[in-house]
N, C-alpha and C. Protein backbone atom coordinates (compact mmCIF):
# COMPACT_ATOMS: atom_id res chain seq x y z
N UNK A 1 -0.40 -7.15 -21.36
CA UNK A 1 -0.10 -6.06 -20.43
C UNK A 1 -1.40 -5.47 -19.88
N UNK A 2 -1.46 -5.34 -18.58
CA UNK A 2 -2.66 -4.80 -17.92
C UNK A 2 -2.60 -3.28 -17.95
N UNK A 3 -3.63 -2.62 -18.46
CA UNK A 3 -3.57 -1.16 -18.57
C UNK A 3 -3.60 -0.46 -17.21
N UNK A 4 -2.90 0.65 -17.14
CA UNK A 4 -2.93 1.49 -15.95
C UNK A 4 -4.35 2.05 -15.78
N UNK A 5 -4.86 2.12 -14.57
CA UNK A 5 -6.22 2.65 -14.37
C UNK A 5 -6.39 4.05 -14.95
N UNK A 6 -7.58 4.32 -15.40
CA UNK A 6 -7.94 5.63 -15.95
C UNK A 6 -8.10 6.62 -14.79
N UNK A 7 -7.27 7.65 -14.79
CA UNK A 7 -7.34 8.69 -13.75
C UNK A 7 -7.73 10.04 -14.33
N UNK A 8 -8.34 10.02 -15.53
CA UNK A 8 -8.67 11.26 -16.22
C UNK A 8 -9.73 12.08 -15.47
N UNK A 9 -10.44 11.46 -14.53
CA UNK A 9 -11.46 12.17 -13.77
C UNK A 9 -10.86 13.06 -12.68
N UNK A 10 -9.59 12.83 -12.33
CA UNK A 10 -8.95 13.62 -11.27
C UNK A 10 -8.61 15.01 -11.81
N UNK A 11 -8.96 16.02 -11.04
CA UNK A 11 -8.74 17.40 -11.46
C UNK A 11 -7.40 17.92 -10.93
N UNK A 12 -7.02 19.10 -11.40
CA UNK A 12 -5.81 19.74 -10.89
C UNK A 12 -5.95 19.97 -9.38
N UNK A 13 -7.13 20.34 -8.95
CA UNK A 13 -7.38 20.54 -7.51
C UNK A 13 -7.17 19.25 -6.74
N UNK A 14 -7.66 18.13 -7.29
CA UNK A 14 -7.45 16.83 -6.65
C UNK A 14 -5.96 16.56 -6.45
N UNK A 15 -5.18 16.77 -7.50
CA UNK A 15 -3.77 16.42 -7.48
C UNK A 15 -2.92 17.40 -6.68
N UNK A 16 -3.52 18.51 -6.28
CA UNK A 16 -2.85 19.41 -5.34
C UNK A 16 -3.01 18.92 -3.90
N UNK A 17 -3.99 18.04 -3.67
CA UNK A 17 -4.28 17.58 -2.32
C UNK A 17 -4.03 16.08 -2.12
N UNK A 18 -3.82 15.37 -3.21
CA UNK A 18 -3.65 13.92 -3.15
C UNK A 18 -2.41 13.54 -3.95
N UNK A 19 -1.67 12.55 -3.48
CA UNK A 19 -0.44 12.13 -4.15
C UNK A 19 -0.71 11.71 -5.59
N UNK A 20 -0.03 12.34 -6.50
CA UNK A 20 -0.14 12.03 -7.93
C UNK A 20 0.70 10.78 -8.21
N UNK A 21 0.12 9.72 -8.77
CA UNK A 21 0.91 8.51 -9.04
C UNK A 21 2.22 8.84 -9.74
N UNK A 22 3.31 8.25 -9.22
CA UNK A 22 4.65 8.53 -9.72
C UNK A 22 5.42 7.22 -9.84
N UNK A 23 6.75 7.31 -9.93
CA UNK A 23 7.57 6.12 -10.18
C UNK A 23 7.34 5.02 -9.16
N UNK A 24 7.17 5.38 -7.88
CA UNK A 24 6.94 4.36 -6.85
C UNK A 24 5.61 3.65 -7.08
N UNK A 25 4.59 4.42 -7.44
CA UNK A 25 3.28 3.83 -7.75
C UNK A 25 3.40 2.84 -8.89
N UNK A 26 4.07 3.26 -9.96
CA UNK A 26 4.14 2.41 -11.15
C UNK A 26 5.01 1.19 -10.93
N UNK A 27 5.99 1.29 -10.05
CA UNK A 27 6.79 0.11 -9.72
C UNK A 27 5.93 -0.91 -8.96
N UNK A 28 5.07 -0.43 -8.08
CA UNK A 28 4.16 -1.33 -7.37
C UNK A 28 3.18 -1.98 -8.35
N UNK A 29 2.70 -1.23 -9.32
CA UNK A 29 1.84 -1.81 -10.35
C UNK A 29 2.58 -2.90 -11.11
N UNK A 30 3.84 -2.63 -11.46
CA UNK A 30 4.64 -3.62 -12.17
C UNK A 30 4.82 -4.89 -11.34
N UNK A 31 5.01 -4.72 -10.03
CA UNK A 31 5.17 -5.88 -9.15
C UNK A 31 3.89 -6.71 -9.12
N UNK A 32 2.75 -6.04 -9.03
CA UNK A 32 1.47 -6.76 -9.00
C UNK A 32 1.22 -7.47 -10.32
N UNK A 33 1.58 -6.83 -11.43
CA UNK A 33 1.42 -7.49 -12.73
C UNK A 33 2.34 -8.70 -12.83
N UNK A 34 3.54 -8.57 -12.31
CA UNK A 34 4.49 -9.68 -12.32
C UNK A 34 3.96 -10.87 -11.50
N UNK A 35 3.19 -10.57 -10.46
CA UNK A 35 2.66 -11.61 -9.57
C UNK A 35 1.22 -11.99 -9.94
N UNK A 36 0.74 -11.52 -11.07
CA UNK A 36 -0.68 -11.66 -11.42
C UNK A 36 -1.17 -13.11 -11.38
N UNK A 37 -0.41 -14.02 -11.95
CA UNK A 37 -0.85 -15.41 -12.02
C UNK A 37 -1.00 -15.99 -10.62
N UNK A 38 -0.01 -15.74 -9.76
CA UNK A 38 -0.08 -16.25 -8.38
C UNK A 38 -1.23 -15.62 -7.62
N UNK A 39 -1.46 -14.32 -7.82
CA UNK A 39 -2.55 -13.64 -7.12
C UNK A 39 -3.91 -14.19 -7.55
N UNK A 40 -4.07 -14.41 -8.83
CA UNK A 40 -5.35 -14.97 -9.32
C UNK A 40 -5.58 -16.37 -8.78
N UNK A 41 -4.52 -17.15 -8.71
CA UNK A 41 -4.63 -18.52 -8.22
C UNK A 41 -5.09 -18.54 -6.76
N UNK A 42 -4.66 -17.54 -5.97
CA UNK A 42 -5.03 -17.48 -4.56
C UNK A 42 -6.48 -17.07 -4.35
N UNK A 43 -7.09 -16.43 -5.35
CA UNK A 43 -8.48 -15.96 -5.25
C UNK A 43 -8.73 -15.20 -3.94
N UNK A 44 -8.04 -14.10 -3.76
CA UNK A 44 -8.18 -13.36 -2.49
C UNK A 44 -9.60 -12.86 -2.27
N UNK A 45 -10.04 -12.94 -1.02
CA UNK A 45 -11.37 -12.46 -0.66
C UNK A 45 -11.33 -11.04 -0.11
N UNK A 46 -10.31 -10.73 0.68
CA UNK A 46 -10.20 -9.39 1.25
C UNK A 46 -8.85 -8.78 0.88
N UNK A 47 -8.89 -7.64 0.20
CA UNK A 47 -7.70 -6.89 -0.17
C UNK A 47 -7.76 -5.55 0.57
N UNK A 48 -6.63 -5.12 1.10
CA UNK A 48 -6.58 -3.86 1.84
C UNK A 48 -5.38 -3.06 1.39
N UNK A 49 -5.62 -1.84 0.92
CA UNK A 49 -4.54 -0.91 0.63
C UNK A 49 -4.53 0.17 1.69
N UNK A 50 -3.40 0.35 2.34
CA UNK A 50 -3.22 1.39 3.34
C UNK A 50 -2.58 2.59 2.67
N UNK A 51 -3.22 3.76 2.80
CA UNK A 51 -2.73 4.96 2.14
C UNK A 51 -3.00 4.93 0.65
N UNK A 52 -4.28 4.84 0.29
CA UNK A 52 -4.64 4.60 -1.11
C UNK A 52 -4.49 5.81 -2.02
N UNK A 53 -4.45 7.03 -1.46
CA UNK A 53 -4.25 8.21 -2.29
C UNK A 53 -5.30 8.32 -3.38
N UNK A 54 -4.86 8.28 -4.63
CA UNK A 54 -5.76 8.41 -5.78
C UNK A 54 -6.62 7.18 -6.02
N UNK A 55 -6.25 6.05 -5.43
CA UNK A 55 -6.96 4.79 -5.69
C UNK A 55 -6.39 4.01 -6.85
N UNK A 56 -5.31 4.51 -7.44
CA UNK A 56 -4.72 3.89 -8.64
C UNK A 56 -4.30 2.44 -8.39
N UNK A 57 -3.65 2.18 -7.27
CA UNK A 57 -3.10 0.84 -7.03
C UNK A 57 -4.20 -0.18 -6.80
N UNK A 58 -5.18 0.15 -5.98
CA UNK A 58 -6.28 -0.80 -5.73
C UNK A 58 -7.11 -1.04 -6.99
N UNK A 59 -7.31 0.02 -7.78
CA UNK A 59 -8.03 -0.16 -9.05
C UNK A 59 -7.25 -1.10 -9.97
N UNK A 60 -5.92 -0.97 -9.96
CA UNK A 60 -5.09 -1.85 -10.77
C UNK A 60 -5.17 -3.29 -10.26
N UNK A 61 -5.14 -3.47 -8.94
CA UNK A 61 -5.28 -4.81 -8.39
C UNK A 61 -6.60 -5.43 -8.82
N UNK A 62 -7.66 -4.63 -8.84
CA UNK A 62 -8.94 -5.13 -9.32
C UNK A 62 -8.88 -5.60 -10.76
N UNK A 63 -8.11 -4.88 -11.59
CA UNK A 63 -7.94 -5.30 -12.98
C UNK A 63 -7.12 -6.59 -13.06
N UNK A 64 -6.12 -6.72 -12.20
CA UNK A 64 -5.30 -7.93 -12.16
C UNK A 64 -6.16 -9.15 -11.84
N UNK A 65 -7.01 -9.01 -10.83
CA UNK A 65 -7.82 -10.15 -10.38
C UNK A 65 -9.01 -10.43 -11.29
N UNK A 66 -9.44 -9.43 -12.04
CA UNK A 66 -10.55 -9.62 -12.96
C UNK A 66 -11.86 -9.87 -12.21
N UNK A 67 -12.77 -10.59 -12.85
CA UNK A 67 -14.06 -10.88 -12.22
C UNK A 67 -13.83 -11.72 -10.98
N UNK A 68 -14.19 -11.17 -9.83
CA UNK A 68 -13.98 -11.90 -8.58
C UNK A 68 -14.95 -11.36 -7.55
N UNK A 69 -14.99 -12.05 -6.41
CA UNK A 69 -15.85 -11.61 -5.31
C UNK A 69 -15.03 -10.88 -4.25
N UNK A 70 -13.85 -10.40 -4.63
CA UNK A 70 -12.96 -9.74 -3.68
C UNK A 70 -13.56 -8.45 -3.14
N UNK A 71 -13.27 -8.18 -1.86
CA UNK A 71 -13.60 -6.91 -1.24
C UNK A 71 -12.34 -6.06 -1.26
N UNK A 72 -12.45 -4.85 -1.82
CA UNK A 72 -11.29 -3.95 -1.93
C UNK A 72 -11.45 -2.81 -0.93
N UNK A 73 -10.84 -2.98 0.24
CA UNK A 73 -10.84 -1.95 1.26
C UNK A 73 -9.63 -1.03 1.06
N UNK A 74 -9.82 0.24 1.28
CA UNK A 74 -8.74 1.22 1.12
C UNK A 74 -8.82 2.21 2.27
N UNK A 75 -7.69 2.51 2.89
CA UNK A 75 -7.69 3.53 3.94
C UNK A 75 -6.77 4.67 3.55
N UNK A 76 -7.09 5.85 4.05
CA UNK A 76 -6.21 7.00 3.92
C UNK A 76 -6.58 7.99 5.01
N UNK A 77 -5.58 8.67 5.55
CA UNK A 77 -5.83 9.67 6.59
C UNK A 77 -6.42 10.95 6.00
N UNK A 78 -6.25 11.11 4.69
CA UNK A 78 -6.65 12.30 3.95
C UNK A 78 -8.06 12.10 3.38
N UNK A 79 -9.03 12.87 3.86
CA UNK A 79 -10.41 12.71 3.40
C UNK A 79 -10.53 12.94 1.89
N UNK A 80 -9.75 13.87 1.37
CA UNK A 80 -9.81 14.10 -0.07
C UNK A 80 -9.33 12.87 -0.82
N UNK A 81 -8.35 12.17 -0.26
CA UNK A 81 -7.85 10.95 -0.90
C UNK A 81 -8.91 9.85 -0.93
N UNK A 82 -9.65 9.70 0.15
CA UNK A 82 -10.68 8.66 0.13
C UNK A 82 -11.77 9.00 -0.88
N UNK A 83 -12.08 10.28 -1.04
CA UNK A 83 -13.04 10.68 -2.08
C UNK A 83 -12.51 10.35 -3.47
N UNK A 84 -11.21 10.62 -3.70
CA UNK A 84 -10.61 10.32 -4.99
C UNK A 84 -10.56 8.81 -5.24
N UNK A 85 -10.26 8.05 -4.19
CA UNK A 85 -10.23 6.59 -4.32
C UNK A 85 -11.60 6.06 -4.75
N UNK A 86 -12.64 6.55 -4.12
CA UNK A 86 -13.99 6.13 -4.48
C UNK A 86 -14.29 6.47 -5.93
N UNK A 87 -13.92 7.68 -6.35
CA UNK A 87 -14.16 8.11 -7.73
C UNK A 87 -13.35 7.28 -8.72
N UNK A 88 -12.13 6.93 -8.36
CA UNK A 88 -11.30 6.11 -9.26
C UNK A 88 -11.88 4.72 -9.42
N UNK A 89 -12.41 4.18 -8.34
CA UNK A 89 -13.08 2.89 -8.44
C UNK A 89 -14.25 2.94 -9.41
N UNK A 90 -15.07 3.98 -9.30
CA UNK A 90 -16.22 4.12 -10.20
C UNK A 90 -15.77 4.32 -11.63
N UNK A 91 -14.73 5.13 -11.84
CA UNK A 91 -14.22 5.40 -13.18
C UNK A 91 -13.74 4.13 -13.87
N UNK A 92 -13.19 3.21 -13.07
CA UNK A 92 -12.60 1.99 -13.63
C UNK A 92 -13.45 0.75 -13.39
N UNK A 93 -14.65 0.96 -12.86
CA UNK A 93 -15.60 -0.14 -12.62
C UNK A 93 -15.02 -1.21 -11.70
N UNK A 94 -14.29 -0.73 -10.67
CA UNK A 94 -13.77 -1.59 -9.63
C UNK A 94 -14.40 -1.12 -8.31
N UNK A 95 -15.05 -2.00 -7.56
CA UNK A 95 -15.79 -1.56 -6.36
C UNK A 95 -14.87 -1.30 -5.16
N UNK A 96 -14.21 -0.15 -5.17
CA UNK A 96 -13.33 0.22 -4.07
C UNK A 96 -14.14 0.75 -2.89
N UNK A 97 -13.73 0.38 -1.70
CA UNK A 97 -14.47 0.74 -0.49
C UNK A 97 -13.53 1.50 0.46
N UNK A 98 -13.43 2.84 0.31
CA UNK A 98 -12.47 3.61 1.11
C UNK A 98 -12.98 3.98 2.50
N UNK A 99 -12.02 4.05 3.43
CA UNK A 99 -12.30 4.43 4.81
C UNK A 99 -11.29 5.51 5.21
N UNK A 100 -11.76 6.60 5.79
CA UNK A 100 -10.85 7.65 6.25
C UNK A 100 -10.37 7.32 7.66
N UNK A 101 -9.11 6.92 7.76
CA UNK A 101 -8.53 6.60 9.07
C UNK A 101 -7.02 6.54 8.93
N UNK A 102 -6.33 6.47 10.05
CA UNK A 102 -4.88 6.38 10.06
C UNK A 102 -4.45 4.92 9.97
N UNK A 103 -3.69 4.60 8.92
CA UNK A 103 -3.19 3.24 8.69
C UNK A 103 -4.35 2.24 8.74
N UNK A 104 -4.23 1.15 9.53
CA UNK A 104 -5.30 0.15 9.56
C UNK A 104 -5.78 -0.16 10.96
N UNK A 105 -5.28 0.60 11.95
CA UNK A 105 -5.56 0.28 13.35
C UNK A 105 -7.06 0.18 13.67
N UNK A 106 -7.93 1.07 13.14
CA UNK A 106 -9.35 0.96 13.48
C UNK A 106 -10.01 -0.31 12.92
N UNK A 107 -9.36 -0.96 11.95
CA UNK A 107 -9.95 -2.14 11.32
C UNK A 107 -9.40 -3.45 11.87
N UNK A 108 -8.43 -3.36 12.79
CA UNK A 108 -7.71 -4.55 13.23
C UNK A 108 -8.62 -5.64 13.78
N UNK A 109 -9.55 -5.28 14.63
CA UNK A 109 -10.37 -6.31 15.27
C UNK A 109 -11.23 -7.05 14.25
N UNK A 110 -11.74 -6.34 13.28
CA UNK A 110 -12.61 -6.98 12.27
C UNK A 110 -11.81 -7.75 11.22
N UNK A 111 -10.59 -7.31 10.98
CA UNK A 111 -9.79 -7.93 9.90
C UNK A 111 -8.70 -8.86 10.42
N UNK A 112 -8.77 -9.23 11.66
CA UNK A 112 -7.72 -10.06 12.25
C UNK A 112 -7.53 -11.35 11.45
N UNK A 113 -6.34 -11.54 10.94
CA UNK A 113 -5.95 -12.72 10.15
C UNK A 113 -6.92 -12.98 8.99
N UNK A 114 -7.40 -11.89 8.36
CA UNK A 114 -8.40 -12.02 7.28
C UNK A 114 -7.96 -11.42 5.96
N UNK A 115 -6.87 -10.65 5.94
CA UNK A 115 -6.48 -9.92 4.72
C UNK A 115 -5.59 -10.80 3.84
N UNK A 116 -6.05 -11.03 2.63
CA UNK A 116 -5.31 -11.89 1.70
C UNK A 116 -4.26 -11.12 0.90
N UNK A 117 -4.54 -9.86 0.59
CA UNK A 117 -3.57 -8.99 -0.09
C UNK A 117 -3.54 -7.66 0.63
N UNK A 118 -2.36 -7.30 1.15
CA UNK A 118 -2.16 -6.04 1.86
C UNK A 118 -1.14 -5.22 1.08
N UNK A 119 -1.46 -3.97 0.81
CA UNK A 119 -0.61 -3.10 0.00
C UNK A 119 -0.29 -1.83 0.78
N UNK A 120 0.98 -1.40 0.71
CA UNK A 120 1.34 -0.15 1.39
C UNK A 120 2.49 0.52 0.66
N UNK A 121 2.18 1.68 0.08
CA UNK A 121 3.20 2.57 -0.47
C UNK A 121 3.30 3.72 0.53
N UNK A 122 4.20 3.60 1.50
CA UNK A 122 4.18 4.52 2.65
C UNK A 122 4.86 5.85 2.37
N UNK A 123 4.71 6.79 3.29
CA UNK A 123 5.55 7.99 3.25
C UNK A 123 6.95 7.58 3.69
N UNK A 124 7.86 7.43 2.71
CA UNK A 124 9.18 6.84 3.00
C UNK A 124 10.33 7.83 2.92
N UNK A 125 10.04 9.09 2.65
CA UNK A 125 11.11 10.08 2.51
C UNK A 125 11.62 10.47 3.91
N UNK A 126 12.92 10.33 4.17
CA UNK A 126 13.46 10.72 5.48
C UNK A 126 13.23 12.22 5.76
N UNK A 127 12.65 12.51 6.90
CA UNK A 127 12.44 13.88 7.36
C UNK A 127 12.67 13.88 8.87
N UNK A 128 12.59 15.03 9.50
CA UNK A 128 12.67 15.00 10.96
C UNK A 128 11.33 14.55 11.52
N UNK A 129 11.37 14.09 12.75
CA UNK A 129 10.18 13.52 13.38
C UNK A 129 9.03 14.52 13.46
N UNK A 130 9.35 15.76 13.78
CA UNK A 130 8.30 16.78 13.90
C UNK A 130 7.57 16.98 12.58
N UNK A 131 8.31 16.96 11.48
CA UNK A 131 7.68 17.14 10.17
C UNK A 131 6.74 15.99 9.85
N UNK A 132 7.18 14.77 10.15
CA UNK A 132 6.31 13.61 9.89
C UNK A 132 5.06 13.66 10.77
N UNK A 133 5.24 14.01 12.05
CA UNK A 133 4.09 14.09 12.96
C UNK A 133 3.11 15.17 12.52
N UNK A 134 3.65 16.32 12.11
CA UNK A 134 2.81 17.42 11.65
C UNK A 134 2.05 17.02 10.39
N UNK A 135 2.72 16.30 9.49
CA UNK A 135 2.09 15.87 8.24
C UNK A 135 0.93 14.91 8.51
N UNK A 136 1.14 13.99 9.44
CA UNK A 136 0.06 13.06 9.79
C UNK A 136 -1.08 13.78 10.49
N UNK A 137 -0.71 14.74 11.33
CA UNK A 137 -1.73 15.49 12.06
C UNK A 137 -2.60 16.36 11.16
N UNK A 138 -1.99 16.94 10.14
CA UNK A 138 -2.74 17.81 9.23
C UNK A 138 -3.57 17.01 8.24
N UNK A 139 -3.24 15.72 8.08
CA UNK A 139 -3.99 14.81 7.20
C UNK A 139 -4.08 15.35 5.77
N UNK A 140 -3.01 16.00 5.33
CA UNK A 140 -2.98 16.53 3.96
C UNK A 140 -1.99 15.77 3.10
N UNK A 141 -1.60 16.37 1.98
CA UNK A 141 -0.76 15.68 1.01
C UNK A 141 0.63 15.37 1.56
N UNK A 142 1.14 16.18 2.49
CA UNK A 142 2.48 15.92 3.05
C UNK A 142 2.52 14.58 3.77
N UNK A 143 1.38 14.11 4.25
CA UNK A 143 1.32 12.81 4.91
C UNK A 143 1.62 11.66 3.99
N UNK A 144 1.64 11.91 2.68
CA UNK A 144 1.91 10.84 1.72
C UNK A 144 3.40 10.66 1.46
N UNK A 145 4.24 11.59 1.95
CA UNK A 145 5.67 11.43 1.67
C UNK A 145 6.58 11.62 2.88
N UNK A 146 6.19 12.39 3.90
CA UNK A 146 7.06 12.67 5.04
C UNK A 146 7.14 11.45 5.96
N UNK A 147 8.30 10.79 5.97
CA UNK A 147 8.43 9.51 6.68
C UNK A 147 9.13 9.55 8.01
N UNK A 148 9.61 10.73 8.44
CA UNK A 148 10.31 10.80 9.72
C UNK A 148 11.72 10.22 9.64
N UNK A 149 12.27 9.87 10.80
CA UNK A 149 13.64 9.37 10.88
C UNK A 149 13.83 8.14 10.00
N UNK A 150 14.84 8.18 9.13
CA UNK A 150 15.14 7.10 8.18
C UNK A 150 13.97 6.80 7.24
N UNK A 151 12.97 7.69 7.22
CA UNK A 151 11.79 7.45 6.38
C UNK A 151 10.95 6.29 6.85
N UNK A 152 11.14 5.85 8.12
CA UNK A 152 10.52 4.61 8.59
C UNK A 152 9.50 4.79 9.72
N UNK A 153 9.30 6.01 10.19
CA UNK A 153 8.44 6.16 11.37
C UNK A 153 7.00 5.72 11.11
N UNK A 154 6.44 6.08 9.97
CA UNK A 154 5.06 5.69 9.67
C UNK A 154 5.01 4.21 9.28
N UNK A 155 5.98 3.78 8.48
CA UNK A 155 6.04 2.38 8.07
C UNK A 155 6.10 1.47 9.29
N UNK A 156 6.94 1.82 10.26
CA UNK A 156 7.08 0.96 11.44
C UNK A 156 5.78 0.78 12.20
N UNK A 157 4.94 1.80 12.17
CA UNK A 157 3.64 1.67 12.85
C UNK A 157 2.80 0.56 12.20
N UNK A 158 2.79 0.53 10.87
CA UNK A 158 2.00 -0.51 10.20
C UNK A 158 2.66 -1.87 10.35
N UNK A 159 3.99 -1.93 10.30
CA UNK A 159 4.67 -3.22 10.39
C UNK A 159 4.28 -3.96 11.67
N UNK A 160 3.98 -3.23 12.73
CA UNK A 160 3.56 -3.86 13.97
C UNK A 160 2.23 -4.59 13.84
N UNK A 161 1.43 -4.21 12.85
CA UNK A 161 0.08 -4.78 12.70
C UNK A 161 -0.04 -5.78 11.56
N UNK A 162 1.00 -5.94 10.77
CA UNK A 162 0.90 -6.77 9.56
C UNK A 162 0.55 -8.21 9.89
N UNK A 163 1.25 -8.80 10.87
CA UNK A 163 0.99 -10.21 11.20
C UNK A 163 -0.45 -10.40 11.66
N UNK A 164 -0.96 -9.43 12.40
CA UNK A 164 -2.34 -9.51 12.87
C UNK A 164 -3.34 -9.43 11.72
N UNK A 165 -3.00 -8.69 10.68
CA UNK A 165 -3.91 -8.50 9.55
C UNK A 165 -3.89 -9.66 8.56
N UNK A 166 -2.72 -10.21 8.30
CA UNK A 166 -2.59 -11.19 7.22
C UNK A 166 -3.32 -12.49 7.52
N UNK A 167 -4.02 -12.99 6.51
CA UNK A 167 -4.63 -14.31 6.59
C UNK A 167 -3.52 -15.37 6.49
N UNK A 168 -3.83 -16.63 6.73
CA UNK A 168 -2.80 -17.66 6.62
C UNK A 168 -2.11 -17.69 5.26
N UNK A 169 -2.82 -17.30 4.21
CA UNK A 169 -2.22 -17.29 2.86
C UNK A 169 -1.91 -15.87 2.39
N UNK A 170 -1.99 -14.91 3.32
CA UNK A 170 -1.88 -13.50 2.95
C UNK A 170 -0.52 -13.09 2.42
N UNK A 171 -0.55 -12.07 1.56
CA UNK A 171 0.66 -11.48 0.99
C UNK A 171 0.65 -9.98 1.31
N UNK A 172 1.80 -9.46 1.71
CA UNK A 172 1.94 -8.04 2.02
C UNK A 172 3.00 -7.46 1.10
N UNK A 173 2.60 -6.46 0.30
CA UNK A 173 3.52 -5.79 -0.62
C UNK A 173 3.84 -4.40 -0.07
N UNK A 174 5.14 -4.16 0.13
CA UNK A 174 5.61 -2.90 0.71
C UNK A 174 6.57 -2.21 -0.24
N UNK A 175 6.36 -0.91 -0.45
CA UNK A 175 7.29 -0.08 -1.21
C UNK A 175 8.31 0.49 -0.23
N UNK A 176 9.60 0.39 -0.60
CA UNK A 176 10.64 0.93 0.28
C UNK A 176 11.73 1.59 -0.55
N UNK A 177 12.42 2.52 0.08
CA UNK A 177 13.63 3.11 -0.48
C UNK A 177 14.83 2.32 0.01
N UNK A 178 15.89 2.30 -0.77
CA UNK A 178 17.11 1.64 -0.32
C UNK A 178 17.58 2.23 1.00
N UNK A 179 17.42 3.56 1.19
CA UNK A 179 17.84 4.23 2.42
C UNK A 179 17.03 3.80 3.65
N UNK A 180 15.90 3.11 3.42
CA UNK A 180 15.09 2.65 4.54
C UNK A 180 15.68 1.42 5.23
N UNK A 181 16.82 0.93 4.71
CA UNK A 181 17.50 -0.26 5.27
C UNK A 181 16.62 -1.50 5.10
N UNK A 182 16.45 -1.89 3.85
CA UNK A 182 15.60 -3.02 3.51
C UNK A 182 16.03 -4.33 4.19
N UNK A 183 17.33 -4.65 4.24
CA UNK A 183 17.72 -5.89 4.96
C UNK A 183 17.25 -5.91 6.40
N UNK A 184 17.28 -4.75 7.06
CA UNK A 184 16.82 -4.68 8.44
C UNK A 184 15.31 -4.89 8.54
N UNK A 185 14.56 -4.30 7.62
CA UNK A 185 13.11 -4.50 7.60
C UNK A 185 12.79 -5.99 7.46
N UNK A 186 13.46 -6.63 6.53
CA UNK A 186 13.18 -8.05 6.26
C UNK A 186 13.54 -8.93 7.46
N UNK A 187 14.69 -8.66 8.07
CA UNK A 187 15.11 -9.49 9.20
C UNK A 187 14.20 -9.27 10.41
N UNK A 188 13.77 -8.03 10.64
CA UNK A 188 12.86 -7.76 11.76
C UNK A 188 11.53 -8.47 11.59
N UNK A 189 11.00 -8.44 10.37
CA UNK A 189 9.70 -9.06 10.14
C UNK A 189 9.79 -10.58 10.29
N UNK A 190 10.92 -11.16 9.96
CA UNK A 190 11.11 -12.60 10.15
C UNK A 190 11.29 -12.94 11.62
N UNK A 191 12.15 -12.20 12.30
CA UNK A 191 12.46 -12.50 13.69
C UNK A 191 11.28 -12.19 14.62
N UNK A 192 10.62 -11.08 14.38
CA UNK A 192 9.55 -10.65 15.29
C UNK A 192 8.20 -11.30 14.99
N UNK A 193 7.93 -11.58 13.71
CA UNK A 193 6.59 -12.03 13.33
C UNK A 193 6.57 -13.31 12.49
N UNK A 194 7.73 -13.87 12.19
CA UNK A 194 7.77 -15.10 11.40
C UNK A 194 7.35 -14.92 9.97
N UNK A 195 7.51 -13.72 9.42
CA UNK A 195 7.12 -13.45 8.04
C UNK A 195 8.34 -13.49 7.14
N UNK A 196 8.33 -14.37 6.16
CA UNK A 196 9.41 -14.44 5.19
C UNK A 196 9.20 -13.36 4.15
N UNK A 197 10.24 -13.04 3.39
CA UNK A 197 10.11 -11.97 2.41
C UNK A 197 10.95 -12.24 1.18
N UNK A 198 10.56 -11.56 0.13
CA UNK A 198 11.27 -11.65 -1.15
C UNK A 198 11.19 -10.30 -1.84
N UNK A 199 12.27 -9.89 -2.47
CA UNK A 199 12.24 -8.68 -3.29
C UNK A 199 11.63 -9.04 -4.64
N UNK A 200 10.49 -8.44 -4.93
CA UNK A 200 9.77 -8.76 -6.17
C UNK A 200 10.38 -8.02 -7.35
N UNK A 201 10.70 -6.74 -7.13
CA UNK A 201 11.22 -5.91 -8.22
C UNK A 201 11.92 -4.70 -7.59
N UNK A 202 12.92 -4.18 -8.26
CA UNK A 202 13.62 -2.99 -7.78
C UNK A 202 14.06 -2.18 -8.98
N UNK A 203 14.18 -0.85 -8.76
CA UNK A 203 14.48 0.01 -9.90
C UNK A 203 14.96 1.38 -9.41
N UNK A 204 15.91 1.94 -10.12
CA UNK A 204 16.32 3.31 -9.83
C UNK A 204 15.38 4.26 -10.56
N UNK A 205 14.91 5.27 -9.84
CA UNK A 205 14.04 6.30 -10.42
C UNK A 205 14.62 7.65 -10.03
N UNK A 206 15.43 8.23 -10.91
CA UNK A 206 16.10 9.48 -10.59
C UNK A 206 17.07 9.28 -9.45
N UNK A 207 16.89 10.03 -8.36
CA UNK A 207 17.76 9.93 -7.21
C UNK A 207 17.35 8.80 -6.26
N UNK A 208 16.17 8.25 -6.47
CA UNK A 208 15.65 7.21 -5.58
C UNK A 208 15.92 5.82 -6.13
N UNK A 209 16.24 4.90 -5.22
CA UNK A 209 16.32 3.48 -5.59
C UNK A 209 15.18 2.79 -4.86
N UNK A 210 14.18 2.35 -5.63
CA UNK A 210 12.94 1.83 -5.08
C UNK A 210 12.90 0.30 -5.10
N UNK A 211 12.29 -0.27 -4.08
CA UNK A 211 12.24 -1.72 -3.92
C UNK A 211 10.83 -2.12 -3.49
N UNK A 212 10.30 -3.18 -4.10
CA UNK A 212 9.03 -3.75 -3.66
C UNK A 212 9.33 -5.08 -2.98
N UNK A 213 8.91 -5.18 -1.72
CA UNK A 213 9.13 -6.39 -0.93
C UNK A 213 7.79 -7.10 -0.72
N UNK A 214 7.80 -8.42 -0.87
CA UNK A 214 6.59 -9.21 -0.57
C UNK A 214 6.84 -10.04 0.68
N UNK A 215 5.94 -9.94 1.64
CA UNK A 215 6.02 -10.73 2.87
C UNK A 215 4.90 -11.75 2.90
N UNK A 216 5.16 -12.89 3.53
CA UNK A 216 4.15 -13.93 3.70
C UNK A 216 4.51 -14.76 4.93
N UNK A 217 3.57 -15.54 5.40
CA UNK A 217 3.83 -16.39 6.56
C UNK A 217 4.75 -17.56 6.19
N UNK A 218 5.56 -17.98 7.16
CA UNK A 218 6.38 -19.18 6.94
C UNK A 218 5.51 -20.41 7.05
N UNK A 219 4.55 -20.38 7.99
CA UNK A 219 3.59 -21.48 8.15
C UNK A 219 2.23 -20.88 8.44
N UNK A 220 1.14 -21.56 8.06
CA UNK A 220 -0.18 -21.03 8.33
C UNK A 220 -0.37 -20.82 9.83
N UNK A 221 -1.11 -19.75 10.20
CA UNK A 221 -1.37 -19.49 11.61
C UNK A 221 -2.59 -20.28 12.07
């Protein structure tokens, strides 16, 4: 069993401004551990986590891959989150490289068809559009959970860029709620971008039913 990253360096102040790892985080960790052998075999060179928050997930991916030459890029709209991500990397001896930006759009040209592992635990809670827009605009902790209509407004923005980001052997892991209409997400990604998908793991956590979906290309680009 791969240990959860050490987050003891995060203060109460940090966790008031950055998403505290919860059931969705740990389900994504479980999915990555379940896929550990396949991930190691692929020897990914570029890993990108969108919305890294505390840095827990990328630090865990670093533990999964072990000694490697992988580059661990992390983005978050919240400057405090990128600071925490950097600190979590140092605490766990994983070289995380955080960038403060919205989703991955500023990196698209440099990372075109180059990302071997893409991770996204999005703001998936259904809210009204104004709340989601305000949360993204304020770049604070609300941006980690306010998902807009059907909880999909922020996710849909990234989904438009996934095919452009993924390398020919790339894997994209997405956290979703059952209410996000997972069958529709999967069918859209196949029809619009030729990305096949599989549910890696799913679990009820209180009132939420959480699902981890893995996307990949049907054929190399």
